[in-house]
Amino acid sequence: MTLLQKAAATAALAVVAATTVSIAPAVAAAPMQTTGTRQAATACGWRTDWTGHAYYNHCGTGNVVIFVDRLNIGGIRDYEQCVTPGDHYLGDWPDFQGAWYAGKTC
């Protein structure tokens, strides 16, 4: 093995070691849920899945109004929608650009 090959191998090992060290503490530091409350299976708020479907997950209690942001071409308009707690299918991305809490209950 030449000196250049040894240097390249050492650099590659350093990158792997740095990556492993930076990932390991984050995994080890994940908090355990000890309060007995139910944790949402998906993140709260607007999201898209790998198939391009857009959803809004309302994690709170009671019904709330969300503002739904649409692409706005061909006469399509943004709108407000009342949602109950839970996950709600909105439509397909990129037609549905986002959704957020409008600050109102319904």
PDB file of N, CA and C in Angstrom:
ATOM      1  N   MET A   1       0.853  -1.175   0.000  1.00  0.00           N
ATOM      2  CA  MET A   1       0.000   0.000   0.000  1.00  0.00           C
ATOM      3  C   MET A   1       0.896   1.234   0.000  1.00  0.00           C
ATOM      4  N   THR A   2       0.620   2.143  -0.910  1.00  0.00           N
ATOM      5  CA  THR A   2       1.429   3.353  -1.006  1.00  0.00           C
ATOM      6  C   THR A   2       1.026   4.335   0.083  1.00  0.00           C
ATOM      7  N   LEU A   3       1.832   5.345   0.267  1.00  0.00           N
ATOM      8  CA  LEU A   3       1.551   6.374   1.255  1.00  0.00           C
ATOM      9  C   LEU A   3       0.255   7.102   0.923  1.00  0.00           C
ATOM     10  N   LEU A   4      -0.012   7.359  -0.357  1.00  0.00           N
ATOM     11  CA  LEU A   4      -1.245   8.028  -0.785  1.00  0.00           C
ATOM     12  C   LEU A   4      -2.463   7.153  -0.493  1.00  0.00           C
ATOM     13  N   GLN A   5      -2.354   5.837  -0.714  1.00  0.00           N
ATOM     14  CA  GLN A   5      -3.469   4.931  -0.432  1.00  0.00           C
ATOM     15  C   GLN A   5      -3.745   4.857   1.068  1.00  0.00           C
ATOM     16  N   LYS A   6      -2.679   4.867   1.881  1.00  0.00           N
ATOM     17  CA  LYS A   6      -2.852   4.853   3.337  1.00  0.00           C
ATOM     18  C   LYS A   6      -3.554   6.118   3.812  1.00  0.00           C
ATOM     19  N   ALA A   7      -3.179   7.263   3.238  1.00  0.00           N
ATOM     20  CA  ALA A   7      -3.800   8.538   3.625  1.00  0.00           C
ATOM     21  C   ALA A   7      -5.283   8.546   3.261  1.00  0.00           C
ATOM     22  N   ALA A   8      -5.603   8.017   2.084  1.00  0.00           N
ATOM     23  CA  ALA A   8      -7.004   7.969   1.655  1.00  0.00           C
ATOM     24  C   ALA A   8      -7.814   7.038   2.557  1.00  0.00           C
ATOM     25  N   ALA A   9      -7.258   5.903   2.922  1.00  0.00           N
ATOM     26  CA  ALA A   9      -7.954   4.957   3.799  1.00  0.00           C
ATOM     27  C   ALA A   9      -8.163   5.562   5.178  1.00  0.00           C
ATOM     28  N   THR A  10      -7.162   6.267   5.701  1.00  0.00           N
ATOM     29  CA  THR A  10      -7.279   6.907   7.007  1.00  0.00           C
ATOM     30  C   THR A  10      -8.353   7.985   6.976  1.00  0.00           C
ATOM     31  N   ALA A  11      -8.410   8.779   5.909  1.00  0.00           N
ATOM     32  CA  ALA A  11      -9.426   9.824   5.781  1.00  0.00           C
ATOM     33  C   ALA A  11     -10.825   9.219   5.710  1.00  0.00           C
ATOM     34  N   ALA A  12     -10.978   8.118   4.995  1.00  0.00           N
ATOM     35  CA  ALA A  12     -12.284   7.457   4.888  1.00  0.00           C
ATOM     36  C   ALA A  12     -12.742   6.939   6.243  1.00  0.00           C
ATOM     37  N   LEU A  13     -11.817   6.353   6.999  1.00  0.00           N
ATOM     38  CA  LEU A  13     -12.167   5.868   8.330  1.00  0.00           C
ATOM     39  C   LEU A  13     -12.547   7.010   9.258  1.00  0.00           C
ATOM     40  N   ALA A  14     -11.883   8.139   9.124  1.00  0.00           N
ATOM     41  CA  ALA A  14     -12.194   9.302   9.966  1.00  0.00           C
ATOM     42  C   ALA A  14     -13.605   9.802   9.680  1.00  0.00           C
ATOM     43  N   VAL A  15     -14.013   9.806   8.413  1.00  0.00           N
ATOM     44  CA  VAL A  15     -15.367  10.242   8.053  1.00  0.00           C
ATOM     45  C   VAL A  15     -16.402   9.293   8.638  1.00  0.00           C
ATOM     46  N   VAL A  16     -16.168   7.986   8.521  1.00  0.00           N
ATOM     47  CA  VAL A  16     -17.093   7.001   9.072  1.00  0.00           C
ATOM     48  C   VAL A  16     -17.175   7.145  10.591  1.00  0.00           C
ATOM     49  N   ALA A  17     -16.058   7.305  11.241  1.00  0.00           N
ATOM     50  CA  ALA A  17     -16.044   7.441  12.697  1.00  0.00           C
ATOM     51  C   ALA A  17     -16.765   8.707  13.130  1.00  0.00           C
ATOM     52  N   ALA A  18     -16.567   9.809  12.439  1.00  0.00           N
ATOM     53  CA  ALA A  18     -17.223  11.069  12.789  1.00  0.00           C
ATOM     54  C   ALA A  18     -18.726  10.961  12.597  1.00  0.00           C
ATOM     55  N   THR A  19     -19.143  10.304  11.542  1.00  0.00           N
ATOM     56  CA  THR A  19     -20.573  10.126  11.287  1.00  0.00           C
ATOM     57  C   THR A  19     -21.207   9.260  12.362  1.00  0.00           C
ATOM     58  N   THR A  20     -20.544   8.181  12.729  1.00  0.00           N
ATOM     59  CA  THR A  20     -21.063   7.287  13.756  1.00  0.00           C
ATOM     60  C   THR A  20     -21.159   7.996  15.089  1.00  0.00           C
ATOM     61  N   VAL A  21     -20.178   8.773  15.444  1.00  0.00           N
ATOM     62  CA  VAL A  21     -20.177   9.494  16.715  1.00  0.00           C
ATOM     63  C   VAL A  21     -21.274  10.538  16.727  1.00  0.00           C
ATOM     64  N   SER A  22     -21.493  11.240  15.597  1.00  0.00           N
ATOM     65  CA  SER A  22     -22.505  12.282  15.587  1.00  0.00           C
ATOM     66  C   SER A  22     -23.911  11.713  15.600  1.00  0.00           C
ATOM     67  N   ILE A  23     -24.120  10.501  15.089  1.00  0.00           N
ATOM     68  CA  ILE A  23     -25.443   9.892  15.079  1.00  0.00           C
ATOM     69  C   ILE A  23     -25.749   9.218  16.413  1.00  0.00           C
ATOM     70  N   ALA A  24     -24.800   8.540  16.984  1.00  0.00           N
ATOM     71  CA  ALA A  24     -25.034   7.743  18.180  1.00  0.00           C
ATOM     72  C   ALA A  24     -25.613   8.541  19.344  1.00  0.00           C
ATOM     73  N   PRO A  25     -25.100   9.749  19.687  1.00  0.00           N
ATOM     74  CA  PRO A  25     -25.681  10.466  20.819  1.00  0.00           C
ATOM     75  C   PRO A  25     -27.141  10.849  20.590  1.00  0.00           C
ATOM     76  N   ALA A  26     -27.527  11.173  19.365  1.00  0.00           N
ATOM     77  CA  ALA A  26     -28.905  11.551  19.089  1.00  0.00           C
ATOM     78  C   ALA A  26     -29.845  10.380  19.333  1.00  0.00           C
ATOM     79  N   VAL A  27     -29.430   9.195  18.957  1.00  0.00           N
ATOM     80  CA  VAL A  27     -30.259   8.017  19.168  1.00  0.00           C
ATOM     81  C   VAL A  27     -30.324   7.696  20.650  1.00  0.00           C
ATOM     82  N   ALA A  28     -29.213   7.749  21.326  1.00  0.00           N
ATOM     83  CA  ALA A  28     -29.169   7.409  22.744  1.00  0.00           C
ATOM     84  C   ALA A  28     -29.916   8.426  23.592  1.00  0.00           C
ATOM     85  N   ALA A  29     -29.988   9.680  23.123  1.00  0.00           N
ATOM     86  CA  ALA A  29     -30.603  10.736  23.918  1.00  0.00           C
ATOM     87  C   ALA A  29     -32.105  10.864  23.685  1.00  0.00           C
ATOM     88  N   ALA A  30     -32.702  10.007  22.869  1.00  0.00           N
ATOM     89  CA  ALA A  30     -34.140  10.103  22.618  1.00  0.00           C
ATOM     90  C   ALA A  30     -34.894   9.878  23.921  1.00  0.00           C
ATOM     91  N   PRO A  31     -35.793  10.805  24.284  1.00  0.00           N
ATOM     92  CA  PRO A  31     -36.490  10.675  25.563  1.00  0.00           C
ATOM     93  C   PRO A  31     -37.524   9.554  25.533  1.00  0.00           C
ATOM     94  N   MET A  32     -37.689   8.904  26.671  1.00  0.00           N
ATOM     95  CA  MET A  32     -38.721   7.893  26.795  1.00  0.00           C
ATOM     96  C   MET A  32     -40.012   8.576  27.212  1.00  0.00           C
ATOM     97  N   GLN A  33     -41.115   8.060  26.764  1.00  0.00           N
ATOM     98  CA  GLN A  33     -42.402   8.608  27.146  1.00  0.00           C
ATOM     99  C   GLN A  33     -42.850   7.906  28.417  1.00  0.00           C
ATOM    100  N   THR A  34     -42.943   8.671  29.503  1.00  0.00           N
ATOM    101  CA  THR A  34     -43.292   8.051  30.780  1.00  0.00           C
ATOM    102  C   THR A  34     -44.585   8.602  31.350  1.00  0.00           C
ATOM    103  N   THR A  35     -45.214   9.568  30.668  1.00  0.00           N
ATOM    104  CA  THR A  35     -46.408  10.192  31.226  1.00  0.00           C
ATOM    105  C   THR A  35     -47.666   9.393  30.962  1.00  0.00           C
ATOM    106  N   GLY A  36     -47.627   8.440  30.031  1.00  0.00           N
ATOM    107  CA  GLY A  36     -48.797   7.657  29.722  1.00  0.00           C
ATOM    108  C   GLY A  36     -49.698   8.308  28.682  1.00  0.00           C
ATOM    109  N   THR A  37     -49.332   9.480  28.168  1.00  0.00           N
ATOM    110  CA  THR A  37     -50.138  10.118  27.140  1.00  0.00           C
ATOM    111  C   THR A  37     -49.848   9.487  25.792  1.00  0.00           C
ATOM    112  N   ARG A  38     -50.837   9.520  24.916  1.00  0.00           N
ATOM    113  CA  ARG A  38     -50.679   8.916  23.601  1.00  0.00           C
ATOM    114  C   ARG A  38     -49.910   9.855  22.684  1.00  0.00           C
ATOM    115  N   GLN A  39     -48.915   9.340  22.009  1.00  0.00           N
ATOM    116  CA  GLN A  39     -48.103  10.134  21.100  1.00  0.00           C
ATOM    117  C   GLN A  39     -48.595   9.900  19.676  1.00  0.00           C
ATOM    118  N   ALA A  40     -48.635  10.985  18.864  1.00  0.00           N
ATOM    119  CA  ALA A  40     -49.104  10.876  17.488  1.00  0.00           C
ATOM    120  C   ALA A  40     -48.181   9.973  16.672  1.00  0.00           C
ATOM    121  N   ALA A  41     -48.783   9.150  15.814  1.00  0.00           N
ATOM    122  CA  ALA A  41     -47.998   8.262  14.960  1.00  0.00           C
ATOM    123  C   ALA A  41     -47.317   9.055  13.848  1.00  0.00           C
ATOM    124  N   THR A  42     -47.908  10.174  13.447  1.00  0.00           N
ATOM    125  CA  THR A  42     -47.323  11.042  12.431  1.00  0.00           C
ATOM    126  C   THR A  42     -47.150  12.432  13.015  1.00  0.00           C
ATOM    127  N   ALA A  43     -46.327  13.217  12.366  1.00  0.00           N
ATOM    128  CA  ALA A  43     -46.062  14.574  12.836  1.00  0.00           C
ATOM    129  C   ALA A  43     -47.333  15.423  12.754  1.00  0.00           C
ATOM    130  N   CYS A  44     -47.437  16.393  13.627  1.00  0.00           N
ATOM    131  CA  CYS A  44     -48.579  17.305  13.614  1.00  0.00           C
ATOM    132  C   CYS A  44     -48.415  18.314  12.483  1.00  0.00           C
ATOM    133  N   GLY A  45     -49.536  18.728  11.897  1.00  0.00           N
ATOM    134  CA  GLY A  45     -49.512  19.748  10.853  1.00  0.00           C
ATOM    135  C   GLY A  45     -49.521  19.152   9.456  1.00  0.00           C
ATOM    136  N   TRP A  46     -49.128  19.978   8.494  1.00  0.00           N
ATOM    137  CA  TRP A  46     -49.164  19.597   7.083  1.00  0.00           C
ATOM    138  C   TRP A  46     -47.969  18.743   6.715  1.00  0.00           C
ATOM    139  N   ARG A  47     -48.215  17.765   5.839  1.00  0.00           N
ATOM    140  CA  ARG A  47     -47.126  16.930   5.342  1.00  0.00           C
ATOM    141  C   ARG A  47     -47.550  16.279   4.029  1.00  0.00           C
ATOM    142  N   THR A  48     -46.577  15.762   3.311  1.00  0.00           N
ATOM    143  CA  THR A  48     -46.853  14.927   2.147  1.00  0.00           C
ATOM    144  C   THR A  48     -46.184  13.581   2.375  1.00  0.00           C
ATOM    145  N   ASP A  49     -46.736  12.547   1.778  1.00  0.00           N
ATOM    146  CA  ASP A  49     -46.104  11.240   1.876  1.00  0.00           C
ATOM    147  C   ASP A  49     -45.307  10.969   0.600  1.00  0.00           C
ATOM    148  N   TRP A  50     -44.696   9.814   0.516  1.00  0.00           N
ATOM    149  CA  TRP A  50     -43.820   9.490  -0.608  1.00  0.00           C
ATOM    150  C   TRP A  50     -44.571   9.370  -1.925  1.00  0.00           C
ATOM    151  N   THR A  51     -45.898   9.239  -1.877  1.00  0.00           N
ATOM    152  CA  THR A  51     -46.686   9.143  -3.112  1.00  0.00           C
ATOM    153  C   THR A  51     -47.188  10.502  -3.587  1.00  0.00           C
ATOM    154  N   GLY A  52     -46.912  11.556  -2.836  1.00  0.00           N
ATOM    155  CA  GLY A  52     -47.334  12.899  -3.223  1.00  0.00           C
ATOM    156  C   GLY A  52     -48.698  13.296  -2.684  1.00  0.00           C
ATOM    157  N   HIS A  53     -49.245  12.546  -1.734  1.00  0.00           N
ATOM    158  CA  HIS A  53     -50.527  12.901  -1.134  1.00  0.00           C
ATOM    159  C   HIS A  53     -50.276  13.884   0.005  1.00  0.00           C
ATOM    160  N   ALA A  54     -51.123  14.914   0.101  1.00  0.00           N
ATOM    161  CA  ALA A  54     -50.974  15.939   1.138  1.00  0.00           C
ATOM    162  C   ALA A  54     -51.984  15.685   2.265  1.00  0.00           C
ATOM    163  N   TYR A  55     -51.524  15.840   3.502  1.00  0.00           N
ATOM    164  CA  TYR A  55     -52.350  15.607   4.678  1.00  0.00           C
ATOM    165  C   TYR A  55     -52.171  16.746   5.676  1.00  0.00           C
ATOM    166  N   TYR A  56     -53.152  16.896   6.568  1.00  0.00           N
ATOM    167  CA  TYR A  56     -53.016  17.758   7.736  1.00  0.00           C
ATOM    168  C   TYR A  56     -53.382  16.914   8.947  1.00  0.00           C
ATOM    169  N   ASN A  57     -52.474  16.812   9.917  1.00  0.00           N
ATOM    170  CA  ASN A  57     -52.710  16.047  11.137  1.00  0.00           C
ATOM    171  C   ASN A  57     -52.927  17.024  12.285  1.00  0.00           C
ATOM    172  N   HIS A  58     -54.158  17.065  12.787  1.00  0.00           N
ATOM    173  CA  HIS A  58     -54.499  17.931  13.924  1.00  0.00           C
ATOM    174  C   HIS A  58     -54.293  17.135  15.202  1.00  0.00           C
ATOM    175  N   CYS A  59     -53.272  17.496  15.970  1.00  0.00           N
ATOM    176  CA  CYS A  59     -52.912  16.752  17.178  1.00  0.00           C
ATOM    177  C   CYS A  59     -53.599  17.260  18.438  1.00  0.00           C
ATOM    178  N   GLY A  60     -54.250  18.398  18.360  1.00  0.00           N
ATOM    179  CA  GLY A  60     -54.888  18.965  19.542  1.00  0.00           C
ATOM    180  C   GLY A  60     -56.246  18.345  19.821  1.00  0.00           C
ATOM    181  N   THR A  61     -56.951  18.958  20.753  1.00  0.00           N
ATOM    182  CA  THR A  61     -58.307  18.520  21.074  1.00  0.00           C
ATOM    183  C   THR A  61     -59.282  19.535  20.516  1.00  0.00           C
ATOM    184  N   GLY A  62     -60.466  19.111  20.196  1.00  0.00           N
ATOM    185  CA  GLY A  62     -61.482  20.007  19.651  1.00  0.00           C
ATOM    186  C   GLY A  62     -61.251  20.284  18.177  1.00  0.00           C
ATOM    187  N   ASN A  63     -62.277  20.828  17.541  1.00  0.00           N
ATOM    188  CA  ASN A  63     -62.200  21.148  16.124  1.00  0.00           C
ATOM    189  C   ASN A  63     -61.555  22.506  15.908  1.00  0.00           C
ATOM    190  N   VAL A  64     -60.737  22.616  14.871  1.00  0.00           N
ATOM    191  CA  VAL A  64     -60.084  23.882  14.534  1.00  0.00           C
ATOM    192  C   VAL A  64     -60.221  24.155  13.038  1.00  0.00           C
ATOM    193  N   VAL A  65     -60.043  25.421  12.673  1.00  0.00           N
ATOM    194  CA  VAL A  65     -60.052  25.824  11.278  1.00  0.00           C
ATOM    195  C   VAL A  65     -58.604  25.875  10.790  1.00  0.00           C
ATOM    196  N   ILE A  66     -58.363  25.276   9.624  1.00  0.00           N
ATOM    197  CA  ILE A  66     -57.038  25.359   8.996  1.00  0.00           C
ATOM    198  C   ILE A  66     -57.162  26.136   7.690  1.00  0.00           C
ATOM    199  N   PHE A  67     -56.105  26.818   7.333  1.00  0.00           N
ATOM    200  CA  PHE A  67     -56.016  27.497   6.041  1.00  0.00           C
ATOM    201  C   PHE A  67     -55.284  26.557   5.101  1.00  0.00           C
ATOM    202  N   VAL A  68     -55.897  26.257   3.962  1.00  0.00           N
ATOM    203  CA  VAL A  68     -55.320  25.337   2.987  1.00  0.00           C
ATOM    204  C   VAL A  68     -54.803  26.141   1.802  1.00  0.00           C
ATOM    205  N   ASP A  69     -53.508  26.058   1.556  1.00  0.00           N
ATOM    206  CA  ASP A  69     -52.830  26.797   0.492  1.00  0.00           C
ATOM    207  C   ASP A  69     -52.783  25.934  -0.765  1.00  0.00           C
ATOM    208  N   ARG A  70     -53.435  26.417  -1.830  1.00  0.00           N
ATOM    209  CA  ARG A  70     -53.470  25.694  -3.101  1.00  0.00           C
ATOM    210  C   ARG A  70     -52.557  26.385  -4.104  1.00  0.00           C
ATOM    211  N   LEU A  71     -52.265  25.715  -5.201  1.00  0.00           N
ATOM    212  CA  LEU A  71     -51.355  26.232  -6.223  1.00  0.00           C
ATOM    213  C   LEU A  71     -51.901  27.477  -6.922  1.00  0.00           C
ATOM    214  N   ASN A  72     -53.216  27.660  -6.955  1.00  0.00           N
ATOM    215  CA  ASN A  72     -53.870  28.858  -7.494  1.00  0.00           C
ATOM    216  C   ASN A  72     -53.651  29.072  -8.984  1.00  0.00           C
ATOM    217  N   ILE A  73     -53.798  28.026  -9.763  1.00  0.00           N
ATOM    218  CA  ILE A  73     -53.808  28.189 -11.217  1.00  0.00           C
ATOM    219  C   ILE A  73     -55.112  27.604 -11.749  1.00  0.00           C
ATOM    220  N   GLY A  74     -55.616  28.176 -12.818  1.00  0.00           N
ATOM    221  CA  GLY A  74     -56.860  27.685 -13.406  1.00  0.00           C
ATOM    222  C   GLY A  74     -58.077  27.935 -12.540  1.00  0.00           C
ATOM    223  N   GLY A  75     -58.085  29.011 -11.754  1.00  0.00           N
ATOM    224  CA  GLY A  75     -59.243  29.351 -10.933  1.00  0.00           C
ATOM    225  C   GLY A  75     -59.308  28.658  -9.590  1.00  0.00           C
ATOM    226  N   ILE A  76     -58.320  27.829  -9.267  1.00  0.00           N
ATOM    227  CA  ILE A  76     -58.302  27.151  -7.969  1.00  0.00           C
ATOM    228  C   ILE A  76     -57.946  28.171  -6.893  1.00  0.00           C
ATOM    229  N   ARG A  77     -58.661  28.144  -5.790  1.00  0.00           N
ATOM    230  CA  ARG A  77     -58.471  29.105  -4.705  1.00  0.00           C
ATOM    231  C   ARG A  77     -58.060  28.419  -3.406  1.00  0.00           C
ATOM    232  N   ASP A  78     -57.365  29.179  -2.564  1.00  0.00           N
ATOM    233  CA  ASP A  78     -57.096  28.740  -1.196  1.00  0.00           C
ATOM    234  C   ASP A  78     -58.434  28.709  -0.456  1.00  0.00           C
ATOM    235  N   TYR A  79     -58.485  27.976   0.636  1.00  0.00           N
ATOM    236  CA  TYR A  79     -59.730  27.939   1.411  1.00  0.00           C
ATOM    237  C   TYR A  79     -59.441  27.590   2.861  1.00  0.00           C
ATOM    238  N   GLU A  80     -60.456  27.787   3.715  1.00  0.00           N
ATOM    239  CA  GLU A  80     -60.398  27.379   5.109  1.00  0.00           C
ATOM    240  C   GLU A  80     -61.267  26.148   5.274  1.00  0.00           C
ATOM    241  N   GLN A  81     -60.843  25.254   6.180  1.00  0.00           N
ATOM    242  CA  GLN A  81     -61.561  24.001   6.400  1.00  0.00           C
ATOM    243  C   GLN A  81     -61.578  23.691   7.886  1.00  0.00           C
ATOM    244  N   CYS A  82     -62.710  23.233   8.387  1.00  0.00           N
ATOM    245  CA  CYS A  82     -62.823  22.785   9.774  1.00  0.00           C
ATOM    246  C   CYS A  82     -62.342  21.339   9.854  1.00  0.00           C
ATOM    247  N   VAL A  83     -61.426  21.047  10.783  1.00  0.00           N
ATOM    248  CA  VAL A  83     -60.927  19.681  10.948  1.00  0.00           C
ATOM    249  C   VAL A  83     -61.097  19.226  12.393  1.00  0.00           C
ATOM    250  N   THR A  84     -61.350  17.956  12.546  1.00  0.00           N
ATOM    251  CA  THR A  84     -61.425  17.322  13.859  1.00  0.00           C
ATOM    252  C   THR A  84     -60.035  16.814  14.218  1.00  0.00           C
ATOM    253  N   PRO A  85     -59.798  16.417  15.463  1.00  0.00           N
ATOM    254  CA  PRO A  85     -58.499  15.837  15.788  1.00  0.00           C
ATOM    255  C   PRO A  85     -58.229  14.597  14.932  1.00  0.00           C
ATOM    256  N   GLY A  86     -57.001  14.470  14.467  1.00  0.00           N
ATOM    257  CA  GLY A  86     -56.615  13.327  13.656  1.00  0.00           C
ATOM    258  C   GLY A  86     -56.048  13.744  12.312  1.00  0.00           C
ATOM    259  N   ASP A  87     -55.796  12.760  11.483  1.00  0.00           N
ATOM    260  CA  ASP A  87     -55.150  12.941  10.184  1.00  0.00           C
ATOM    261  C   ASP A  87     -56.210  13.123   9.094  1.00  0.00           C
ATOM    262  N   HIS A  88     -56.016  14.123   8.230  1.00  0.00           N
ATOM    263  CA  HIS A  88     -56.992  14.437   7.183  1.00  0.00           C
ATOM    264  C   HIS A  88     -56.301  14.525   5.827  1.00  0.00           C
ATOM    265  N   TYR A  89     -56.802  13.766   4.865  1.00  0.00           N
ATOM    266  CA  TYR A  89     -56.305  13.823   3.494  1.00  0.00           C
ATOM    267  C   TYR A  89     -56.839  15.094   2.838  1.00  0.00           C
ATOM    268  N   LEU A  90     -55.939  15.900   2.246  1.00  0.00           N
ATOM    269  CA  LEU A  90     -56.346  17.134   1.581  1.00  0.00           C
ATOM    270  C   LEU A  90     -56.424  16.974   0.072  1.00  0.00           C
ATOM    271  N   GLY A  91     -55.459  16.294  -0.511  1.00  0.00           N
ATOM    272  CA  GLY A  91     -55.389  16.129  -1.956  1.00  0.00           C
ATOM    273  C   GLY A  91     -53.967  15.783  -2.344  1.00  0.00           C
ATOM    274  N   ASP A  92     -53.624  16.035  -3.592  1.00  0.00           N
ATOM    275  CA  ASP A  92     -52.297  15.700  -4.087  1.00  0.00           C
ATOM    276  C   ASP A  92     -51.402  16.928  -4.203  1.00  0.00           C
ATOM    277  N   TRP A  93     -50.135  16.759  -3.829  1.00  0.00           N
ATOM    278  CA  TRP A  93     -49.116  17.771  -4.027  1.00  0.00           C
ATOM    279  C   TRP A  93     -48.668  17.657  -5.478  1.00  0.00           C
ATOM    280  N   PRO A  94     -48.411  18.699  -6.230  1.00  0.00           N
ATOM    281  CA  PRO A  94     -48.191  20.074  -5.813  1.00  0.00           C
ATOM    282  C   PRO A  94     -49.440  20.954  -5.803  1.00  0.00           C
ATOM    283  N   ASP A  95     -50.615  20.419  -6.125  1.00  0.00           N
ATOM    284  CA  ASP A  95     -51.832  21.231  -6.066  1.00  0.00           C
ATOM    285  C   ASP A  95     -52.026  21.784  -4.660  1.00  0.00           C
ATOM    286  N   PHE A  96     -51.770  20.963  -3.646  1.00  0.00           N
ATOM    287  CA  PHE A  96     -51.877  21.407  -2.259  1.00  0.00           C
ATOM    288  C   PHE A  96     -50.479  21.748  -1.763  1.00  0.00           C
ATOM    289  N   GLN A  97     -50.249  23.028  -1.518  1.00  0.00           N
ATOM    290  CA  GLN A  97     -48.921  23.540  -1.181  1.00  0.00           C
ATOM    291  C   GLN A  97     -48.635  23.570   0.316  1.00  0.00           C
ATOM    292  N   GLY A  98     -49.679  23.571   1.138  1.00  0.00           N
ATOM    293  CA  GLY A  98     -49.475  23.634   2.579  1.00  0.00           C
ATOM    294  C   GLY A  98     -50.785  23.858   3.297  1.00  0.00           C
ATOM    295  N   ALA A  99     -50.764  23.729   4.605  1.00  0.00           N
ATOM    296  CA  ALA A  99     -51.939  23.991   5.436  1.00  0.00           C
ATOM    297  C   ALA A  99     -51.441  24.320   6.839  1.00  0.00           C
ATOM    298  N   TRP A 100     -52.141  25.228   7.505  1.00  0.00           N
ATOM    299  CA  TRP A 100     -51.750  25.593   8.862  1.00  0.00           C
ATOM    300  C   TRP A 100     -52.964  26.059   9.638  1.00  0.00           C
ATOM    301  N   TYR A 101     -52.820  26.062  10.955  1.00  0.00           N
ATOM    302  CA  TYR A 101     -53.877  26.481  11.879  1.00  0.00           C
ATOM    303  C   TYR A 101     -54.203  27.945  11.623  1.00  0.00           C
ATOM    304  N   ALA A 102     -55.491  28.244  11.452  1.00  0.00           N
ATOM    305  CA  ALA A 102     -55.936  29.605  11.129  1.00  0.00           C
ATOM    306  C   ALA A 102     -56.258  30.426  12.379  1.00  0.00           C
ATOM    307  N   GLY A 103     -56.080  29.862  13.561  1.00  0.00           N
ATOM    308  CA  GLY A 103     -56.312  30.614  14.799  1.00  0.00           C
ATOM    309  C   GLY A 103     -57.761  30.654  15.226  1.00  0.00           C
ATOM    310  N   LYS A 104     -58.592  29.751  14.682  1.00  0.00           N
ATOM    311  CA  LYS A 104     -60.018  29.731  15.013  1.00  0.00           C
ATOM    312  C   LYS A 104     -60.464  28.315  15.338  1.00  0.00           C
ATOM    313  N   THR A 105     -61.515  28.226  16.126  1.00  0.00           N
ATOM    314  CA  THR A 105     -62.147  26.933  16.373  1.00  0.00           C
ATOM    315  C   THR A 105     -63.440  26.861  15.564  1.00  0.00           C
ATOM    316  N   CYS A 106     -63.992  25.674  15.439  1.00  0.00           N
ATOM    317  CA  CYS A 106     -65.243  25.517  14.686  1.00  0.00           C
ATOM    318  C   CYS A 106     -66.098  24.411  15.298  1.00  0.00           C
TER     319      CYS A 106
END
